[in-house]
Amino acid sequence: MSRRIVVVASMAGAPGVTTCAVALAAAWPVAVDGGVRPVVVEADVSGGDLMIRFGLPDAPSLLDVASSAGRDQPGSLLGAVSELPCGVRVVASVPGRGACRGAVRLLAGESGRRVLRGDDTDTGTVLLDVGRAGDDTEPLIQDADQVVLVTRGGPEALTQVSTCGLDPRAYAGRLTLLVVGPCPYPAGEIADVLRMPRVVVWPWDARSVAALSGAGRMRPRTAGPRARPLMAATDELVRRLTGAQGLAARVGGRAQEAQGRGGGPGEAHWSRVGLVEVPGEGSSR
């Protein structure tokens, strides 16, 4: 047994990938990993956010983990862990693109991925925040047990997802689309047009984000009648990622149809009145 890897990424822009990764860690049920708490690892080639956001020291960091990956006896991932005020364990990365890109490339190599996974005695989950997906992070995405693709809910952002050439079938059930913030389209409609079997709409609310950022006095609630909408949706997403039965309504029948359809994802046009698929290569129309 080794650690589970969940990659959190975006195709473009800054839709809140790091906040999503921290929220997932806050909501993660430790019982599925034998009581071991998850670890968020910042592996964004553009540099980290958590050091500045939480005033963390610049060492240990992702640079230490990456530099040890090529040694005969690599260091422990957990040796570089810091803890956030909301109770989440993180391996933070320094700000700035220069050093981080090299560190991510090392981490994406075979020896780096072994450090992330650990050995047969290691358990737990690594939530890998890779920021914007690209060539440098492709090996990490391909090796992941689950991939959460984060996008905003507006027409432009959803169009970018539709035209990026992503084929959900290639992920064999490992891919979830997380739609952040206000979104005029229901999850089932998005799943139908993009042929995404799993779509979760993530309502952005300032109180939950403040709690995750250390500005609130209490840790965010993830379940129960007092749970904020963002954290309740996060709890549902975690249940899907871990295979547990969720409490909220599932994506409708169209999402199930999308999973069984042939052909690659067609180009889509997002109108104010709904989603209109434009026939093109791989379209069924």
Protein backbone atom coordinates (compact mmCIF):
# COMPACT_ATOMS: atom_id res chain seq x y z
CA MET A 1 0.00 0.00 0.00
CA SER A 2 1.20 3.55 -0.72
CA ARG A 3 -0.29 7.03 -0.66
CA ARG A 4 -3.21 8.04 -2.84
CA ILE A 5 -2.47 10.96 -5.19
CA VAL A 6 -5.19 13.47 -6.04
CA VAL A 7 -4.11 16.18 -8.49
CA VAL A 8 -5.93 19.53 -8.41
CA ALA A 9 -5.35 21.60 -11.57
CA SER A 10 -6.83 24.20 -13.88
CA MET A 11 -6.65 24.73 -17.63
CA ALA A 12 -6.32 28.52 -17.50
CA GLY A 13 -6.58 31.53 -15.26
CA ALA A 14 -6.69 31.45 -11.46
CA PRO A 15 -9.98 29.83 -10.46
CA GLY A 16 -8.93 28.99 -6.89
CA VAL A 17 -6.94 25.76 -7.24
CA THR A 18 -4.98 26.24 -4.03
CA THR A 19 -8.08 27.13 -2.01
CA CYS A 20 -9.78 24.04 -3.44
CA ALA A 21 -6.88 21.80 -2.41
CA VAL A 22 -6.92 23.21 1.14
CA ALA A 23 -10.70 22.78 1.35
CA LEU A 24 -10.43 19.16 0.22
CA ALA A 25 -7.84 18.51 2.91
CA ALA A 26 -10.03 20.14 5.56
CA ALA A 27 -12.97 17.94 4.57
CA TRP A 28 -11.04 14.72 3.95
CA PRO A 29 -12.28 11.81 6.11
CA VAL A 30 -9.19 10.40 7.81
CA ALA A 31 -10.99 7.12 8.39
CA VAL A 32 -10.51 6.19 4.72
CA ASP A 33 -6.74 6.38 5.23
CA GLY A 34 -6.47 4.60 8.54
CA GLY A 35 -6.52 7.82 10.56
CA VAL A 36 -3.76 9.54 8.56
CA ARG A 37 -4.47 13.17 7.70
CA PRO A 38 -3.96 14.25 4.07
CA VAL A 39 -1.14 16.53 2.94
CA VAL A 40 -1.47 19.39 0.45
CA VAL A 41 1.64 19.73 -1.72
CA GLU A 42 2.10 22.94 -3.70
CA ALA A 43 3.63 21.88 -7.02
CA ASP A 44 2.82 24.89 -9.19
CA VAL A 45 5.56 25.87 -11.65
CA SER A 46 4.54 29.52 -11.13
CA GLY A 47 5.37 29.37 -7.42
CA GLY A 48 3.48 28.89 -4.20
CA ASP A 49 0.86 31.03 -2.44
CA LEU A 50 0.62 29.50 1.01
CA MET A 51 3.86 30.89 2.45
CA ILE A 52 2.72 34.46 1.87
CA ARG A 53 -0.93 33.78 2.68
CA PHE A 54 -0.15 32.21 6.07
CA GLY A 55 3.27 33.68 6.88
CA LEU A 56 5.00 30.28 6.77
CA PRO A 57 8.81 29.96 6.94
CA ASP A 58 10.60 29.47 3.62
CA ALA A 59 12.03 26.14 4.78
CA PRO A 60 11.31 23.33 4.76
CA SER A 61 9.48 23.53 1.45
CA LEU A 62 8.83 21.79 -1.86
CA LEU A 63 12.41 22.62 -2.85
CA ASP A 64 13.74 20.36 -0.09
CA VAL A 65 11.47 17.49 -1.17
CA ALA A 66 12.44 17.86 -4.84
CA SER A 67 16.17 18.16 -4.18
CA SER A 68 16.14 14.94 -2.18
CA ALA A 69 14.27 12.98 -4.87
CA GLY A 70 17.40 12.13 -6.83
CA ARG A 71 19.40 10.85 -3.86
CA ASP A 72 20.02 7.19 -3.14
CA GLN A 73 18.01 7.63 0.06
CA PRO A 74 15.39 10.33 -0.63
CA GLY A 75 14.05 12.35 2.26
CA SER A 76 10.58 11.94 3.66
CA LEU A 77 7.72 13.99 2.25
CA LEU A 78 6.37 14.42 5.77
CA GLY A 79 9.63 15.99 6.89
CA ALA A 80 8.71 19.14 4.96
CA VAL A 81 5.18 19.50 6.36
CA SER A 82 3.85 22.67 8.00
CA GLU A 83 0.39 23.05 9.57
CA LEU A 84 -2.08 25.78 8.69
CA PRO A 85 -4.35 27.48 11.26
CA CYS A 86 -7.34 25.57 9.84
CA GLY A 87 -5.62 22.29 10.77
CA VAL A 88 -4.47 21.31 7.27
CA ARG A 89 -1.00 19.85 6.71
CA VAL A 90 0.90 21.34 3.75
CA VAL A 91 4.23 21.15 1.95
CA ALA A 92 4.44 24.75 0.82
CA SER A 93 6.43 26.12 -2.09
CA VAL A 94 8.37 29.37 -2.29
CA PRO A 95 6.88 32.22 -4.33
CA GLY A 96 8.24 32.85 -7.82
CA ARG A 97 8.58 30.83 -10.98
CA GLY A 98 12.35 30.37 -11.21
CA ALA A 99 13.18 27.76 -8.58
CA CYS A 100 9.70 26.22 -8.56
CA ARG A 101 9.72 25.09 -12.16
CA GLY A 102 12.88 23.09 -11.64
CA ALA A 103 11.51 21.60 -8.43
CA VAL A 104 8.27 20.54 -10.11
CA ARG A 105 10.20 18.91 -12.95
CA LEU A 106 12.19 16.90 -10.43
CA LEU A 107 9.02 15.94 -8.59
CA ALA A 108 7.39 14.83 -11.86
CA GLY A 109 10.23 12.41 -12.58
CA GLU A 110 10.07 8.79 -11.53
CA SER A 111 12.08 9.29 -8.35
CA GLY A 112 10.03 12.34 -7.37
CA ARG A 113 6.77 10.48 -7.82
CA ARG A 114 8.14 7.71 -5.61
CA VAL A 115 8.70 10.28 -2.87
CA LEU A 116 5.10 11.43 -3.19
CA ARG A 117 3.74 7.90 -3.09
CA GLY A 118 6.06 6.68 -0.36
CA ASP A 119 6.76 3.00 0.15
CA ASP A 120 4.49 0.06 0.91
CA THR A 121 4.23 1.05 4.57
CA ASP A 122 2.98 4.60 3.84
CA THR A 123 -0.72 5.44 3.88
CA GLY A 124 -2.68 8.63 3.42
CA THR A 125 -3.55 11.01 0.61
CA VAL A 126 -1.48 13.66 -1.14
CA LEU A 127 -3.51 16.54 -2.59
CA LEU A 128 -1.19 17.84 -5.29
CA ASP A 129 -1.86 21.47 -6.24
CA VAL A 130 -0.23 21.84 -9.68
CA GLY A 131 -1.90 25.14 -10.62
CA ARG A 132 -2.30 25.49 -14.36
CA ALA A 133 -1.77 22.15 -16.08
CA GLY A 134 1.09 21.99 -18.60
CA ASP A 135 3.90 19.88 -19.98
CA ASP A 136 5.88 20.06 -16.74
CA THR A 137 3.02 18.63 -14.68
CA GLU A 138 1.69 16.12 -17.23
CA PRO A 139 3.52 13.13 -15.66
CA LEU A 140 1.98 13.97 -12.28
CA ILE A 141 -1.50 14.19 -13.79
CA GLN A 142 -1.12 10.92 -15.69
CA ASP A 143 0.11 9.12 -12.57
CA ALA A 144 -2.64 10.42 -10.28
CA ASP A 145 -5.37 8.25 -8.80
CA GLN A 146 -7.86 11.11 -9.19
CA VAL A 147 -7.76 14.43 -11.06
CA VAL A 148 -9.88 17.44 -10.08
CA LEU A 149 -10.00 20.00 -12.90
CA VAL A 150 -11.01 23.42 -11.56
CA THR A 151 -12.70 26.06 -13.70
CA ARG A 152 -14.88 29.09 -13.19
CA GLY A 153 -18.56 28.86 -14.06
CA GLY A 154 -18.78 31.60 -16.68
CA PRO A 155 -19.22 31.01 -20.43
CA GLU A 156 -15.63 31.95 -21.31
CA ALA A 157 -14.03 29.62 -18.78
CA LEU A 158 -16.28 26.69 -19.70
CA THR A 159 -15.57 27.26 -23.38
CA GLN A 160 -11.83 26.97 -22.63
CA VAL A 161 -12.47 23.57 -21.08
CA SER A 162 -14.52 22.49 -24.09
CA THR A 163 -11.84 23.49 -26.62
CA CYS A 164 -8.70 22.29 -24.81
CA GLY A 165 -8.79 18.83 -26.40
CA LEU A 166 -9.31 17.05 -23.09
CA ASP A 167 -10.82 13.59 -23.53
CA PRO A 168 -12.51 12.45 -20.30
CA ARG A 169 -12.50 8.85 -21.52
CA ALA A 170 -8.71 8.78 -21.31
CA TYR A 171 -8.95 9.21 -17.53
CA ALA A 172 -11.05 6.07 -17.05
CA GLY A 173 -13.25 7.51 -14.32
CA ARG A 174 -10.45 9.46 -12.60
CA LEU A 175 -11.57 12.94 -13.71
CA THR A 176 -13.92 15.35 -11.91
CA LEU A 177 -14.76 18.85 -13.19
CA LEU A 178 -15.15 21.35 -10.33
CA VAL A 179 -17.02 24.48 -11.41
CA VAL A 180 -16.25 27.39 -9.06
CA GLY A 181 -18.44 30.34 -8.21
CA PRO A 182 -21.58 31.65 -9.84
CA CYS A 183 -22.66 29.41 -12.69
CA PRO A 184 -25.84 29.82 -14.74
CA TYR A 185 -25.80 26.21 -15.92
CA PRO A 186 -26.82 23.10 -13.95
CA ALA A 187 -24.20 20.41 -13.41
CA GLY A 188 -26.10 17.92 -15.55
CA GLU A 189 -26.12 20.27 -18.53
CA ILE A 190 -22.38 20.90 -18.23
CA ALA A 191 -21.73 17.16 -17.96
CA ASP A 192 -23.84 16.53 -21.05
CA VAL A 193 -22.15 19.08 -23.31
CA LEU A 194 -18.59 18.42 -22.13
CA ARG A 195 -19.12 14.66 -21.83
CA MET A 196 -17.81 14.86 -18.27
CA PRO A 197 -19.16 11.97 -16.17
CA ARG A 198 -18.55 13.86 -12.91
CA VAL A 199 -19.32 17.56 -12.47
CA VAL A 200 -19.55 19.34 -9.11
CA VAL A 201 -20.61 22.99 -8.78
CA TRP A 202 -18.62 24.66 -5.99
CA PRO A 203 -20.40 27.76 -4.60
CA TRP A 204 -17.84 30.34 -3.53
CA ASP A 205 -18.62 32.05 -0.21
CA ALA A 206 -16.47 34.56 1.59
CA ARG A 207 -16.89 33.09 5.08
CA SER A 208 -15.61 29.64 4.08
CA VAL A 209 -12.69 31.14 2.16
CA ALA A 210 -11.83 33.32 5.18
CA ALA A 211 -11.84 30.27 7.46
CA LEU A 212 -9.60 28.35 5.05
CA SER A 213 -7.28 31.37 4.84
CA GLY A 214 -6.87 31.65 8.58
CA ALA A 215 -8.90 34.85 8.84
CA GLY A 216 -11.77 33.22 10.71
CA ARG A 217 -11.74 32.19 14.34
CA MET A 218 -13.11 28.70 13.73
CA ARG A 219 -12.25 25.82 11.46
CA PRO A 220 -14.71 25.45 8.61
CA ARG A 221 -17.56 22.98 9.18
CA THR A 222 -17.79 20.37 6.44
CA ALA A 223 -21.06 18.71 7.38
CA GLY A 224 -24.22 19.25 9.38
CA PRO A 225 -26.89 21.97 9.28
CA ARG A 226 -24.38 24.76 9.98
CA ALA A 227 -22.00 23.85 7.17
CA ARG A 228 -21.47 26.66 4.66
CA PRO A 229 -22.42 25.92 1.01
CA LEU A 230 -18.80 25.76 -0.16
CA MET A 231 -17.77 23.26 2.49
CA ALA A 232 -20.94 21.19 2.05
CA ALA A 233 -20.12 20.91 -1.66
CA THR A 234 -16.53 20.04 -0.76
CA ASP A 235 -17.77 17.25 1.49
CA GLU A 236 -19.79 15.85 -1.42
CA LEU A 237 -16.75 16.06 -3.73
CA VAL A 238 -14.59 14.23 -1.19
CA ARG A 239 -17.17 11.47 -0.92
CA ARG A 240 -17.04 11.02 -4.67
CA LEU A 241 -13.24 10.98 -4.75
CA THR A 242 -13.03 8.40 -1.97
CA GLY A 243 -15.85 6.26 -3.36
CA ALA A 244 -18.18 6.91 -0.42
CA GLN A 245 -21.89 7.50 -0.91
CA GLY A 246 -22.66 11.21 -1.02
CA LEU A 247 -25.67 12.83 0.61
CA ALA A 248 -26.41 15.44 -2.05
CA ALA A 249 -28.21 14.86 -5.34
CA ARG A 250 -26.15 13.19 -8.03
CA VAL A 251 -25.55 14.52 -11.52
CA GLY A 252 -28.58 13.53 -13.61
CA GLY A 253 -29.01 10.87 -16.24
CA ARG A 254 -27.34 12.94 -18.90
CA ALA A 255 -24.02 12.60 -17.11
CA GLN A 256 -24.41 8.83 -17.20
CA GLU A 257 -25.17 9.02 -20.92
CA ALA A 258 -22.06 11.13 -21.43
CA GLN A 259 -19.92 8.43 -19.82
CA GLY A 260 -21.07 5.83 -22.32
CA ARG A 261 -20.99 7.92 -25.47
CA GLY A 262 -18.38 7.47 -28.14
CA GLY A 263 -16.42 10.19 -29.87
CA GLY A 264 -14.21 12.91 -28.48
CA PRO A 265 -15.54 16.08 -26.91
CA GLY A 266 -17.02 18.44 -29.46
CA GLU A 267 -16.53 22.18 -29.46
CA ALA A 268 -19.18 23.96 -27.42
CA HIS A 269 -20.76 27.39 -27.48
CA TRP A 270 -22.08 28.74 -24.17
CA SER A 271 -25.11 30.99 -24.58
CA ARG A 272 -27.03 32.99 -22.00
CA VAL A 273 -29.99 30.66 -22.27
CA GLY A 274 -28.02 27.42 -21.90
CA LEU A 275 -25.32 25.27 -23.43
CA VAL A 276 -25.45 24.68 -27.15
CA GLU A 277 -23.11 22.09 -28.63
CA VAL A 278 -21.59 23.05 -31.95
CA PRO A 279 -21.17 20.05 -34.29
CA GLY A 280 -17.53 19.35 -35.03
CA GLU A 281 -14.97 16.59 -34.95
CA GLY A 282 -16.17 13.90 -32.53
CA SER A 283 -19.64 15.39 -32.26
CA SER A 284 -22.57 13.03 -32.37
CA ARG A 285 -24.68 15.53 -34.29
